[in-house]
């Protein structure tokens, strides 16, 4: 469905874009080319084709889910201004 020049100008007006006659004609051609490409893509029969997560058949390398750091929670809380029951206390910011 090709756009008319008036439709391009209306779209530019709605988008608050100032567009000259020459730019409107050029934009009309570009938009119509894009719509033509979309129509070609929609015409492709895609029934029975599984969606892909990636364009190539890649497999991610996985690592073992293991703890690599020691528990430093007491060390981090030792420098905190206020701590209670293992939680950081912060000033009230919303009244």
Protein backbone atom coordinates (compact mmCIF):
# COMPACT_ATOMS: atom_id res chain seq x y z
CA UNK A 1 0.00 0.00 0.00
CA UNK A 2 2.01 2.99 -1.23
CA UNK A 3 1.79 6.27 0.63
CA UNK A 4 0.67 9.40 -1.14
CA UNK A 5 2.56 12.68 -0.85
CA UNK A 6 -0.27 14.13 1.24
CA UNK A 7 0.00 11.22 3.69
CA UNK A 8 3.76 11.77 4.04
CA UNK A 9 3.18 15.44 4.79
CA UNK A 10 0.48 14.57 7.32
CA UNK A 11 2.78 12.10 9.07
CA UNK A 12 5.52 14.74 9.17
CA UNK A 13 3.04 17.24 10.63
CA UNK A 14 1.91 14.74 13.30
CA UNK A 15 5.57 14.09 14.16
CA UNK A 16 6.12 17.84 14.36
CA UNK A 17 8.68 17.69 11.54
CA UNK A 18 9.10 20.50 9.07
CA UNK A 19 9.58 18.97 5.63
CA UNK A 20 10.07 20.61 2.24
CA UNK A 21 8.38 19.43 -0.95
CA UNK A 22 11.59 17.85 -2.23
CA UNK A 23 12.24 16.08 1.07
CA UNK A 24 8.63 14.91 1.21
CA UNK A 25 8.91 13.37 -2.26
CA UNK A 26 12.22 11.70 -1.37
CA UNK A 27 10.79 10.41 1.92
CA UNK A 28 7.71 9.12 0.11
CA UNK A 29 9.91 7.04 -2.17
CA UNK A 30 11.95 5.67 0.74
CA UNK A 31 8.87 4.79 2.79
CA UNK A 32 7.21 3.11 -0.18
CA UNK A 33 10.39 1.05 -0.75
CA UNK A 34 10.31 -0.04 2.92
CA UNK A 35 6.63 -0.97 2.67
CA UNK A 36 7.36 -2.94 -0.49
CA UNK A 37 10.07 -4.90 1.29
CA UNK A 38 7.70 -5.61 4.19
CA UNK A 39 5.07 -6.91 1.75
CA UNK A 40 7.68 -9.23 0.18
CA UNK A 41 8.67 -10.58 3.60
CA UNK A 42 5.04 -11.14 4.57
CA UNK A 43 4.46 -13.09 1.35
CA UNK A 44 7.03 -15.74 2.35
CA UNK A 45 5.44 -18.99 3.51
CA UNK A 46 6.68 -19.60 7.05
CA UNK A 47 4.30 -22.33 8.16
CA UNK A 48 6.09 -25.24 9.82
CA UNK A 49 9.33 -23.32 10.38
CA UNK A 50 10.53 -23.24 13.98
CA UNK A 51 11.59 -19.88 15.40
CA UNK A 52 15.31 -19.51 16.00
CA UNK A 53 17.01 -17.95 19.01
CA UNK A 54 20.09 -17.16 16.91
CA UNK A 55 20.90 -17.03 13.22
CA UNK A 56 23.66 -19.61 13.69
CA UNK A 57 23.37 -22.90 15.53
CA UNK A 58 25.46 -21.90 18.54
CA UNK A 59 25.76 -23.59 21.89
CA UNK A 60 26.87 -21.55 24.87
CA UNK A 61 29.68 -22.85 27.00
CA UNK A 62 28.40 -23.42 30.50
CA UNK A 63 30.45 -23.45 33.65
CA UNK A 64 29.75 -25.27 36.85
CA UNK A 65 27.58 -23.26 39.22
CA UNK A 66 29.97 -23.29 42.15
CA UNK A 67 30.84 -20.76 44.85
CA UNK A 68 34.24 -19.22 44.13
CA UNK A 69 34.30 -16.42 46.74
CA UNK A 70 34.41 -16.75 50.49
CA UNK A 71 31.69 -15.25 52.67
CA UNK A 72 32.83 -11.69 53.47
CA UNK A 73 29.52 -10.46 54.85
CA UNK A 74 30.87 -9.76 58.38
CA UNK A 75 33.85 -7.89 56.90
CA UNK A 76 31.63 -5.68 54.76
CA UNK A 77 29.30 -4.95 57.67
CA UNK A 78 32.18 -4.08 59.98
CA UNK A 79 32.69 -0.78 58.13
CA UNK A 80 28.98 0.08 57.87
CA UNK A 81 27.73 2.96 60.06
CA UNK A 82 24.76 0.99 61.44
CA UNK A 83 23.94 -2.71 61.31
CA UNK A 84 21.24 -4.69 63.05
CA UNK A 85 20.54 -8.42 62.76
CA UNK A 86 22.77 -8.71 59.69
CA UNK A 87 21.01 -5.85 57.88
CA UNK A 88 22.32 -2.42 56.93
CA UNK A 89 20.38 0.41 58.59
CA UNK A 90 19.90 3.54 56.48
CA UNK A 91 18.28 6.88 57.29
CA UNK A 92 14.63 7.34 56.44
CA UNK A 93 14.37 9.36 53.22
CA UNK A 94 10.58 9.39 52.67
CA UNK A 95 8.26 10.92 55.21
